[in-house]
PDB file of all heavy atoms in Angstrom:
ATOM      1  N   GLY A   1      80.486  97.985  95.057  1.00  0.00           N
ATOM      2  CA  GLY A   1      80.293  99.334  94.530  1.00  0.00           C
ATOM      3  C   GLY A   1      81.461 100.246  94.858  1.00  0.00           C
ATOM      4  O   GLY A   1      81.689 101.240  94.166  1.00  0.00           O
ATOM      5  N   GLY A   2      82.216  99.914  95.930  1.00  0.00           N
ATOM      6  CA  GLY A   2      83.419 100.669  96.241  1.00  0.00           C
ATOM      7  C   GLY A   2      84.524 100.427  95.230  1.00  0.00           C
ATOM      8  O   GLY A   2      85.324 101.330  94.942  1.00  0.00           O
ATOM      9  N   CYS A   3      84.580  99.211  94.682  1.00  0.00           N
ATOM     10  CA  CYS A   3      85.521  98.940  93.585  1.00  0.00           C
ATOM     11  C   CYS A   3      85.134  99.778  92.368  1.00  0.00           C
ATOM     12  O   CYS A   3      85.995 100.357  91.687  1.00  0.00           O
ATOM     13  CB  CYS A   3      85.506  97.458  93.246  1.00  0.00           C
ATOM     14  SG  CYS A   3      85.836  96.357  94.635  1.00  0.00           S
ATOM     15  N   ASN A   4      83.832  99.839  92.102  1.00  0.00           N
ATOM     16  CA  ASN A   4      83.315 100.676  91.024  1.00  0.00           C
ATOM     17  C   ASN A   4      83.685 102.138  91.255  1.00  0.00           C
ATOM     18  O   ASN A   4      84.157 102.827  90.343  1.00  0.00           O
ATOM     19  CB  ASN A   4      81.791 100.506  90.953  1.00  0.00           C
ATOM     20  CG  ASN A   4      81.165 101.135  89.725  1.00  0.00           C
ATOM     21  OD1 ASN A   4      81.850 101.673  88.863  1.00  0.00           O
ATOM     22  ND2 ASN A   4      79.847 101.091  89.659  1.00  0.00           N
ATOM     23  N   ALA A   5      83.503 102.614  92.484  1.00  0.00           N
ATOM     24  CA  ALA A   5      83.798 104.015  92.803  1.00  0.00           C
ATOM     25  C   ALA A   5      85.275 104.341  92.598  1.00  0.00           C
ATOM     26  O   ALA A   5      85.627 105.422  92.119  1.00  0.00           O
ATOM     27  CB  ALA A   5      83.383 104.313  94.238  1.00  0.00           C
ATOM     28  N   GLN A   6      86.149 103.409  92.968  1.00  0.00           N
ATOM     29  CA  GLN A   6      87.586 103.627  92.739  1.00  0.00           C
ATOM     30  C   GLN A   6      87.868 103.844  91.259  1.00  0.00           C
ATOM     31  O   GLN A   6      88.621 104.746  90.877  1.00  0.00           O
ATOM     32  CB  GLN A   6      88.390 102.422  93.239  1.00  0.00           C
ATOM     33  CG  GLN A   6      88.387 102.226  94.729  1.00  0.00           C
ATOM     34  CD  GLN A   6      89.028 100.905  95.132  1.00  0.00           C
ATOM     35  OE1 GLN A   6      90.179 100.632  94.788  1.00  0.00           O
ATOM     36  NE2 GLN A   6      88.287 100.075  95.849  1.00  0.00           N
ATOM     37  N   MET A   7      87.259 102.998  90.424  1.00  0.00           N
ATOM     38  CA  MET A   7      87.511 103.096  88.995  1.00  0.00           C
ATOM     39  C   MET A   7      86.864 104.346  88.399  1.00  0.00           C
ATOM     40  O   MET A   7      87.415 104.947  87.465  1.00  0.00           O
ATOM     41  CB  MET A   7      87.013 101.837  88.279  1.00  0.00           C
ATOM     42  CG  MET A   7      87.709 100.546  88.715  1.00  0.00           C
ATOM     43  SD  MET A   7      89.522 100.660  88.725  1.00  0.00           S
ATOM     44  CE  MET A   7      89.858 100.943  86.981  1.00  0.00           C
ATOM     45  N   VAL A   8      85.705 104.761  88.915  1.00  0.00           N
ATOM     46  CA  VAL A   8      85.104 106.026  88.459  1.00  0.00           C
ATOM     47  C   VAL A   8      86.085 107.175  88.704  1.00  0.00           C
ATOM     48  O   VAL A   8      86.331 108.003  87.817  1.00  0.00           O
ATOM     49  CB  VAL A   8      83.768 106.298  89.179  1.00  0.00           C
ATOM     50  CG1 VAL A   8      83.292 107.722  88.887  1.00  0.00           C
ATOM     51  CG2 VAL A   8      82.703 105.301  88.749  1.00  0.00           C
ATOM     52  N   ALA A   9      86.644 107.228  89.909  1.00  0.00           N
ATOM     53  CA  ALA A   9      87.570 108.307  90.244  1.00  0.00           C
ATOM     54  C   ALA A   9      88.825 108.252  89.372  1.00  0.00           C
ATOM     55  O   ALA A   9      89.312 109.288  88.896  1.00  0.00           O
ATOM     56  CB  ALA A   9      87.952 108.231  91.717  1.00  0.00           C
ATOM     57  N   LEU A  10      89.348 107.051  89.141  1.00  0.00           N
ATOM     58  CA  LEU A  10      90.570 106.913  88.344  1.00  0.00           C
ATOM     59  C   LEU A  10      90.317 107.244  86.872  1.00  0.00           C
ATOM     60  O   LEU A  10      91.118 107.933  86.230  1.00  0.00           O
ATOM     61  CB  LEU A  10      91.119 105.498  88.483  1.00  0.00           C
ATOM     62  CG  LEU A  10      91.712 105.168  89.861  1.00  0.00           C
ATOM     63  CD1 LEU A  10      91.957 103.675  89.993  1.00  0.00           C
ATOM     64  CD2 LEU A  10      93.005 105.947  90.092  1.00  0.00           C
ATOM     65  N   ILE A  11      89.191 106.757  86.333  1.00  0.00           N
ATOM     66  CA  ILE A  11      88.869 107.052  84.937  1.00  0.00           C
ATOM     67  C   ILE A  11      88.615 108.542  84.756  1.00  0.00           C
ATOM     68  O   ILE A  11      89.075 109.161  83.790  1.00  0.00           O
ATOM     69  CB  ILE A  11      87.655 106.236  84.468  1.00  0.00           C
ATOM     70  CG1 ILE A  11      88.019 104.760  84.385  1.00  0.00           C
ATOM     71  CG2 ILE A  11      87.155 106.736  83.108  1.00  0.00           C
ATOM     72  CD1 ILE A  11      86.837 103.843  84.110  1.00  0.00           C
ATOM     73  N   ALA A  12      87.881 109.148  85.686  1.00  0.00           N
ATOM     74  CA  ALA A  12      87.587 110.577  85.580  1.00  0.00           C
ATOM     75  C   ALA A  12      88.875 111.389  85.591  1.00  0.00           C
ATOM     76  O   ALA A  12      89.002 112.389  84.869  1.00  0.00           O
ATOM     77  CB  ALA A  12      86.682 111.017  86.732  1.00  0.00           C
ATOM     78  N   GLU A  13      89.836 110.967  86.379  1.00  0.00           N
ATOM     79  CA  GLU A  13      91.096 111.702  86.473  1.00  0.00           C
ATOM     80  C   GLU A  13      91.975 111.495  85.255  1.00  0.00           C
ATOM     81  O   GLU A  13      92.651 112.407  84.787  1.00  0.00           O
ATOM     82  CB  GLU A  13      91.859 111.264  87.731  1.00  0.00           C
ATOM     83  CG  GLU A  13      93.135 112.065  87.973  1.00  0.00           C
ATOM     84  CD  GLU A  13      93.606 111.957  89.406  1.00  0.00           C
ATOM     85  OE1 GLU A  13      92.903 112.438  90.294  1.00  0.00           O
ATOM     86  OE2 GLU A  13      94.692 111.402  89.620  1.00  0.00           O
ATOM     87  N   GLU A  14      91.954 110.281  84.692  1.00  0.00           N
ATOM     88  CA  GLU A  14      92.907 109.946  83.648  1.00  0.00           C
ATOM     89  C   GLU A  14      92.363 110.080  82.223  1.00  0.00           C
ATOM     90  O   GLU A  14      93.092 110.460  81.312  1.00  0.00           O
ATOM     91  CB  GLU A  14      93.397 108.508  83.842  1.00  0.00           C
ATOM     92  CG  GLU A  14      94.179 108.314  85.134  1.00  0.00           C
ATOM     93  CD  GLU A  14      94.626 106.871  85.309  1.00  0.00           C
ATOM     94  OE1 GLU A  14      94.679 106.146  84.302  1.00  0.00           O
ATOM     95  OE2 GLU A  14      94.908 106.478  86.446  1.00  0.00           O
ATOM     96  N   TYR A  15      91.075 109.738  82.031  1.00  0.00           N
ATOM     97  CA  TYR A  15      90.611 109.538  80.662  1.00  0.00           C
ATOM     98  C   TYR A  15      89.405 110.360  80.222  1.00  0.00           C
ATOM     99  O   TYR A  15      89.075 110.372  79.045  1.00  0.00           O
ATOM    100  CB  TYR A  15      90.267 108.055  80.449  1.00  0.00           C
ATOM    101  CG  TYR A  15      91.388 107.122  80.793  1.00  0.00           C
ATOM    102  CD1 TYR A  15      91.248 106.183  81.800  1.00  0.00           C
ATOM    103  CD2 TYR A  15      92.604 107.181  80.115  1.00  0.00           C
ATOM    104  CE1 TYR A  15      92.288 105.316  82.135  1.00  0.00           C
ATOM    105  CE2 TYR A  15      93.641 106.328  80.432  1.00  0.00           C
ATOM    106  CZ  TYR A  15      93.482 105.397  81.440  1.00  0.00           C
ATOM    107  OH  TYR A  15      94.501 104.550  81.769  1.00  0.00           O
ATOM    108  N   SER A  16      88.719 111.011  81.140  1.00  0.00           N
ATOM    109  CA  SER A  16      87.460 111.643  80.735  1.00  0.00           C
ATOM    110  C   SER A  16      87.664 113.016  80.098  1.00  0.00           C
ATOM    111  O   SER A  16      86.713 113.649  79.674  1.00  0.00           O
ATOM    112  CB  SER A  16      86.511 111.784  81.932  1.00  0.00           C
ATOM    113  OG  SER A  16      87.033 112.709  82.863  1.00  0.00           O
ATOM    114  N   VAL A  17      88.908 113.464  80.014  1.00  0.00           N
ATOM    115  CA  VAL A  17      89.267 114.716  79.345  1.00  0.00           C
ATOM    116  C   VAL A  17      88.410 115.872  79.845  1.00  0.00           C
ATOM    117  O   VAL A  17      87.871 116.662  79.080  1.00  0.00           O
ATOM    118  CB  VAL A  17      89.147 114.579  77.802  1.00  0.00           C
ATOM    119  CG1 VAL A  17      89.911 115.715  77.119  1.00  0.00           C
ATOM    120  CG2 VAL A  17      89.700 113.253  77.331  1.00  0.00           C
ATOM    121  N   GLY A  18      88.248 115.932  81.167  1.00  0.00           N
ATOM    122  CA  GLY A  18      87.566 117.070  81.755  1.00  0.00           C
ATOM    123  C   GLY A  18      86.058 117.015  81.710  1.00  0.00           C
ATOM    124  O   GLY A  18      85.396 117.933  82.186  1.00  0.00           O
ATOM    125  N   LYS A  19      85.466 115.933  81.144  1.00  0.00           N
ATOM    126  CA  LYS A  19      84.010 115.867  81.063  1.00  0.00           C
ATOM    127  C   LYS A  19      83.369 115.713  82.433  1.00  0.00           C
ATOM    128  O   LYS A  19      82.308 116.266  82.702  1.00  0.00           O
ATOM    129  CB  LYS A  19      83.589 114.715  80.151  1.00  0.00           C
ATOM    130  CG  LYS A  19      83.928 114.939  78.674  1.00  0.00           C
ATOM    131  CD  LYS A  19      83.459 113.772  77.837  1.00  0.00           C
ATOM    132  CE  LYS A  19      83.772 113.992  76.361  1.00  0.00           C
ATOM    133  NZ  LYS A  19      83.350 112.837  75.531  1.00  0.00           N
ATOM    134  N   VAL A  20      83.990 114.915  83.289  1.00  0.00           N
ATOM    135  CA  VAL A  20      83.491 114.687  84.637  1.00  0.00           C
ATOM    136  C   VAL A  20      84.666 114.726  85.614  1.00  0.00           C
ATOM    137  O   VAL A  20      85.686 114.074  85.386  1.00  0.00           O
ATOM    138  CB  VAL A  20      82.770 113.330  84.768  1.00  0.00           C
ATOM    139  CG1 VAL A  20      82.350 113.085  86.221  1.00  0.00           C
ATOM    140  CG2 VAL A  20      81.552 113.262  83.861  1.00  0.00           C
ATOM    141  N   LYS A  21      84.505 115.476  86.678  1.00  0.00           N
ATOM    142  CA  LYS A  21      85.529 115.547  87.712  1.00  0.00           C
ATOM    143  C   LYS A  21      84.978 114.963  89.010  1.00  0.00           C
ATOM    144  O   LYS A  21      83.861 115.275  89.407  1.00  0.00           O
ATOM    145  CB  LYS A  21      85.952 116.999  87.949  1.00  0.00           C
ATOM    146  CG  LYS A  21      86.990 117.170  89.053  1.00  0.00           C
ATOM    147  CD  LYS A  21      87.331 118.633  89.249  1.00  0.00           C
ATOM    148  CE  LYS A  21      88.337 118.794  90.393  1.00  0.00           C
ATOM    149  NZ  LYS A  21      88.664 120.229  90.627  1.00  0.00           N
ATOM    150  N   VAL A  22      85.765 114.096  89.656  1.00  0.00           N
ATOM    151  CA  VAL A  22      85.412 113.591  90.978  1.00  0.00           C
ATOM    152  C   VAL A  22      86.132 114.447  92.004  1.00  0.00           C
ATOM    153  O   VAL A  22      87.354 114.516  92.020  1.00  0.00           O
ATOM    154  CB  VAL A  22      85.775 112.101  91.140  1.00  0.00           C
ATOM    155  CG1 VAL A  22      85.511 111.642  92.571  1.00  0.00           C
ATOM    156  CG2 VAL A  22      84.979 111.250  90.159  1.00  0.00           C
ATOM    157  N   ARG A  23      85.354 115.092  92.870  1.00  0.00           N
ATOM    158  CA  ARG A  23      85.916 116.009  93.864  1.00  0.00           C
ATOM    159  C   ARG A  23      86.386 115.271  95.108  1.00  0.00           C
ATOM    160  O   ARG A  23      87.500 115.476  95.597  1.00  0.00           O
ATOM    161  CB  ARG A  23      84.862 117.053  94.242  1.00  0.00           C
ATOM    162  CG  ARG A  23      85.360 118.179  95.133  1.00  0.00           C
ATOM    163  CD  ARG A  23      84.185 119.072  95.552  1.00  0.00           C
ATOM    164  NE  ARG A  23      83.302 118.387  96.479  1.00  0.00           N
ATOM    165  CZ  ARG A  23      83.112 118.740  97.752  1.00  0.00           C
ATOM    166  NH1 ARG A  23      83.733 119.801  98.243  1.00  0.00           N
ATOM    167  NH2 ARG A  23      82.284 118.065  98.522  1.00  0.00           N
ATOM    168  N   ARG A  24      85.531 114.391  95.642  1.00  0.00           N
ATOM    169  CA  ARG A  24      85.846 113.603  96.829  1.00  0.00           C
ATOM    170  C   ARG A  24      85.260 112.208  96.694  1.00  0.00           C
ATOM    171  O   ARG A  24      84.282 112.001  95.966  1.00  0.00           O
ATOM    172  CB  ARG A  24      85.335 114.288  98.106  1.00  0.00           C
ATOM    173  CG  ARG A  24      86.152 115.530  98.409  1.00  0.00           C
ATOM    174  CD  ARG A  24      85.724 116.266  99.637  1.00  0.00           C
ATOM    175  NE  ARG A  24      86.449 117.551  99.652  1.00  0.00           N
ATOM    176  CZ  ARG A  24      86.167 118.566 100.427  1.00  0.00           C
ATOM    177  NH1 ARG A  24      85.180 118.476 101.294  1.00  0.00           N
ATOM    178  NH2 ARG A  24      86.875 119.670 100.375  1.00  0.00           N
ATOM    179  N   LEU A  25      85.849 111.283  97.442  1.00  0.00           N
ATOM    180  CA  LEU A  25      85.508 109.868  97.300  1.00  0.00           C
ATOM    181  C   LEU A  25      85.279 109.268  98.687  1.00  0.00           C
ATOM    182  O   LEU A  25      86.052 109.518  99.616  1.00  0.00           O
ATOM    183  CB  LEU A  25      86.669 109.158  96.599  1.00  0.00           C
ATOM    184  CG  LEU A  25      86.557 107.674  96.269  1.00  0.00           C
ATOM    185  CD1 LEU A  25      85.419 107.425  95.290  1.00  0.00           C
ATOM    186  CD2 LEU A  25      87.882 107.188  95.665  1.00  0.00           C
ATOM    187  N   VAL A  26      84.198 108.476  98.813  1.00  0.00           N
ATOM    188  CA  VAL A  26      83.914 107.745 100.047  1.00  0.00           C
ATOM    189  C   VAL A  26      83.892 106.260  99.711  1.00  0.00           C
ATOM    190  O   VAL A  26      83.121 105.824  98.851  1.00  0.00           O
ATOM    191  CB  VAL A  26      82.565 108.159 100.672  1.00  0.00           C
ATOM    192  CG1 VAL A  26      82.328 107.388 101.976  1.00  0.00           C
ATOM    193  CG2 VAL A  26      82.526 109.660 100.925  1.00  0.00           C
ATOM    194  N   LEU A  27      84.743 105.485 100.382  1.00  0.00           N
ATOM    195  CA  LEU A  27      84.855 104.048 100.146  1.00  0.00           C
ATOM    196  C   LEU A  27      84.437 103.314 101.408  1.00  0.00           C
ATOM    197  O   LEU A  27      85.095 103.415 102.447  1.00  0.00           O
ATOM    198  CB  LEU A  27      86.296 103.683  99.769  1.00  0.00           C
ATOM    199  CG  LEU A  27      86.839 104.367  98.508  1.00  0.00           C
ATOM    200  CD1 LEU A  27      88.303 104.006  98.299  1.00  0.00           C
ATOM    201  CD2 LEU A  27      86.009 103.982  97.283  1.00  0.00           C
ATOM    202  N   ALA A  28      83.348 102.562 101.327  1.00  0.00           N
ATOM    203  CA  ALA A  28      82.752 101.933 102.502  1.00  0.00           C
ATOM    204  C   ALA A  28      82.760 100.413 102.366  1.00  0.00           C
ATOM    205  O   ALA A  28      82.213  99.870 101.399  1.00  0.00           O
ATOM    206  CB  ALA A  28      81.313 102.420 102.685  1.00  0.00           C
ATOM    207  N   GLY A  29      83.406  99.732 103.305  1.00  0.00           N
ATOM    208  CA  GLY A  29      83.391  98.283 103.327  1.00  0.00           C
ATOM    209  C   GLY A  29      83.844  97.665 102.027  1.00  0.00           C
ATOM    210  O   GLY A  29      83.206  96.754 101.504  1.00  0.00           O
TER     211      GLY A  29
END
């Protein structure tokens, strides 16, 4: 799920055109 979280943050920053913003990220194990 941490791999998933990385991609959520990257997609939100690069491709979501402002629809969703990731403010902070926690990556565990």
